Amino acid sequence: MGWVAVDGVVVAGHGVASGQGGDRRFPAGTLAVQAPFFREAGIDLSDYHPGTINVSIRSHRFAPHRPVATVQALAWHDGFPPEDFSFFRCRVGEDGVAGLIYYPHPETKPDHHQDPSVLEVLAPFVPGIRVGRPLRLEIREEEWTLQPIDR
């Protein structure tokens, strides 16, 4: 098994991961609050830009199988119940920049839900990424399965 290319489009997110969304509870973003907990669990996000790239794969979604890391029942903020998070390897753009797909499990996520066709990607800063532009991702096929979305 190897890498599978998926073409998507960068879409606007909620802005809470980066702190750009104006949520007063997280002025530096949820990732800034979560990162120390993830580091303690063995997931170091220090090489990644402190926000997510939201990539729509349109009429498909990925079903997770085998993450490279999962943190369960993470109580990262007093105002939220514990959440589960998984991380999956990916490569971003034409240069194949190494990244991670950040997957807050929808069944434990209290708000800021994503369309199931949107993946949240963590990567070092990649110049030229803008909302509306196409973006190629590569994922490990043993970690995810591509499924059509019934709309």
Protein backbone atom coordinates (compact mmCIF):
# COMPACT_ATOMS: atom_id res chain seq x y z
CA MET A 1 0.00 0.00 0.00
CA GLY A 2 1.17 3.50 -0.69
CA TRP A 3 0.23 7.09 -1.27
CA VAL A 4 -3.00 8.02 -3.06
CA ALA A 5 -3.44 11.45 -4.66
CA VAL A 6 -6.64 13.37 -4.03
CA ASP A 7 -7.48 16.65 -5.71
CA GLY A 8 -9.35 19.15 -3.59
CA VAL A 9 -10.06 22.84 -3.22
CA VAL A 10 -9.06 25.05 -0.29
CA VAL A 11 -12.16 26.29 1.52
CA ALA A 12 -12.69 28.73 4.36
CA GLY A 13 -12.82 27.19 7.81
CA HIS A 14 -14.25 28.49 11.06
CA GLY A 15 -10.96 30.17 11.97
CA VAL A 16 -10.94 28.75 15.51
CA ALA A 17 -7.91 26.47 15.06
CA SER A 18 -5.74 29.47 14.13
CA GLY A 19 -7.46 32.10 16.25
CA GLN A 20 -8.50 34.06 13.14
CA GLY A 21 -12.21 33.43 13.70
CA GLY A 22 -12.64 35.92 16.51
CA ASP A 23 -13.67 33.39 19.18
CA ARG A 24 -12.75 35.18 22.43
CA ARG A 25 -12.31 31.88 24.25
CA PHE A 26 -9.34 31.05 21.99
CA PRO A 27 -7.60 34.26 20.91
CA ALA A 28 -4.47 32.33 19.82
CA GLY A 29 -6.58 29.47 18.45
CA THR A 30 -7.62 26.05 19.66
CA LEU A 31 -4.43 24.47 18.31
CA ALA A 32 -2.35 26.68 20.61
CA VAL A 33 -4.37 25.38 23.58
CA GLN A 34 -4.36 21.76 22.39
CA ALA A 35 -0.70 21.53 21.29
CA PRO A 36 0.79 20.98 24.79
CA PHE A 37 -1.68 18.15 25.42
CA PHE A 38 -0.85 16.58 22.07
CA ARG A 39 2.89 16.93 22.76
CA GLU A 40 2.41 15.18 26.10
CA ALA A 41 0.70 12.34 24.16
CA GLY A 42 3.67 12.13 21.76
CA ILE A 43 2.34 14.30 18.91
CA ASP A 44 4.62 17.29 18.36
CA LEU A 45 3.00 19.99 16.25
CA SER A 46 5.81 22.54 16.65
CA ASP A 47 6.94 22.23 13.01
CA TYR A 48 3.47 23.03 11.69
CA HIS A 49 1.77 26.37 11.00
CA PRO A 50 -0.63 27.09 13.92
CA GLY A 51 -3.79 26.72 11.86
CA THR A 52 -5.42 24.24 9.53
CA ILE A 53 -5.72 24.18 5.76
CA ASN A 54 -9.30 23.18 5.05
CA VAL A 55 -9.51 21.09 1.90
CA SER A 56 -12.80 20.07 0.33
CA ILE A 57 -12.71 16.86 -1.63
CA ARG A 58 -16.22 17.71 -2.83
CA SER A 59 -18.52 14.74 -3.19
CA HIS A 60 -16.33 12.35 -1.22
CA ARG A 61 -15.22 11.85 2.33
CA PHE A 62 -12.57 9.77 3.95
CA ALA A 63 -13.40 7.02 6.41
CA PRO A 64 -10.53 6.71 8.88
CA HIS A 65 -9.01 3.27 9.49
CA ARG A 66 -5.58 3.32 11.03
CA PRO A 67 -4.37 6.70 12.34
CA VAL A 68 -0.71 7.24 13.16
CA ALA A 69 -1.85 8.63 16.50
CA THR A 70 -5.06 9.00 18.49
CA VAL A 71 -5.70 10.89 21.70
CA GLN A 72 -8.90 9.84 23.42
CA ALA A 73 -11.02 11.72 25.91
CA LEU A 74 -8.76 14.77 25.87
CA ALA A 75 -10.06 17.37 28.34
CA TRP A 76 -8.27 20.30 26.73
CA HIS A 77 -10.61 23.10 27.85
CA ASP A 78 -12.88 23.58 30.87
CA GLY A 79 -15.74 24.74 28.66
CA PHE A 80 -15.88 21.57 26.56
CA PRO A 81 -16.40 17.90 27.26
CA PRO A 82 -13.41 15.63 26.48
CA GLU A 83 -12.79 15.03 22.78
CA ASP A 84 -11.09 12.34 20.70
CA PHE A 85 -8.53 13.36 18.07
CA SER A 86 -6.74 11.29 15.44
CA PHE A 87 -3.87 12.20 13.13
CA PHE A 88 -3.09 10.78 9.69
CA ARG A 89 -0.08 11.28 7.45
CA CYS A 90 -0.43 13.34 4.31
CA ARG A 91 1.61 15.21 1.75
CA VAL A 92 0.48 18.65 0.65
CA GLY A 93 0.72 20.34 -2.74
CA GLU A 94 2.87 19.69 -5.76
CA ASP A 95 6.03 19.65 -3.62
CA GLY A 96 4.64 16.95 -1.33
CA VAL A 97 5.23 18.83 1.93
CA ALA A 98 4.82 16.41 4.85
CA GLY A 99 1.78 17.13 6.98
CA LEU A 100 -0.90 15.61 9.13
CA ILE A 101 -4.63 15.42 8.78
CA TYR A 102 -6.09 16.67 12.06
CA TYR A 103 -9.28 14.78 12.75
CA PRO A 104 -11.39 15.81 15.74
CA HIS A 105 -13.82 12.91 15.97
CA PRO A 106 -17.25 14.35 15.05
CA GLU A 107 -19.05 12.24 17.65
CA THR A 108 -17.08 13.94 20.47
CA LYS A 109 -16.75 17.43 18.96
CA PRO A 110 -19.14 19.90 20.65
CA ASP A 111 -19.22 22.61 17.96
CA HIS A 112 -17.53 24.03 14.83
CA HIS A 113 -18.44 20.95 12.82
CA GLN A 114 -17.06 20.51 9.31
CA ASP A 115 -18.75 19.28 6.17
CA PRO A 116 -17.75 15.57 5.91
CA SER A 117 -16.01 16.32 2.60
CA VAL A 118 -13.58 18.75 4.31
CA LEU A 119 -10.24 17.60 5.68
CA GLU A 120 -8.30 19.73 8.17
CA VAL A 121 -4.61 19.65 7.30
CA LEU A 122 -1.66 20.65 9.46
CA ALA A 123 1.54 21.51 7.60
CA PRO A 124 4.46 23.91 7.72
CA PHE A 125 3.53 27.24 6.14
CA VAL A 126 3.00 26.64 2.41
CA PRO A 127 3.07 29.83 0.30
CA GLY A 128 0.32 30.32 -2.25
CA ILE A 129 -2.44 28.44 -0.48
CA ARG A 130 -5.62 30.49 -0.75
CA VAL A 131 -9.34 29.85 -0.46
CA GLY A 132 -10.72 28.75 -3.80
CA ARG A 133 -7.45 27.36 -5.15
CA PRO A 134 -7.02 23.70 -6.01
CA LEU A 135 -4.77 21.68 -3.73
CA ARG A 136 -3.52 18.14 -4.16
CA LEU A 137 -3.20 15.95 -1.10
CA GLU A 138 -1.61 12.55 -0.90
CA ILE A 139 -2.76 10.19 1.79
CA ARG A 140 -1.75 6.71 2.91
CA GLU A 141 -4.38 4.32 1.59
CA GLU A 142 -4.00 2.01 4.60
CA GLU A 143 -5.04 4.89 6.87
CA TRP A 144 -8.19 6.06 5.02
CA THR A 145 -10.82 4.92 2.53
CA LEU A 146 -12.41 7.30 0.04
CA GLN A 147 -16.22 7.07 0.07
CA PRO A 148 -18.85 8.90 -2.00
CA ILE A 149 -21.21 11.16 -0.07
CA ASP A 150 -24.91 10.69 -0.68
CA ARG A 151 -26.38 14.16 -1.00
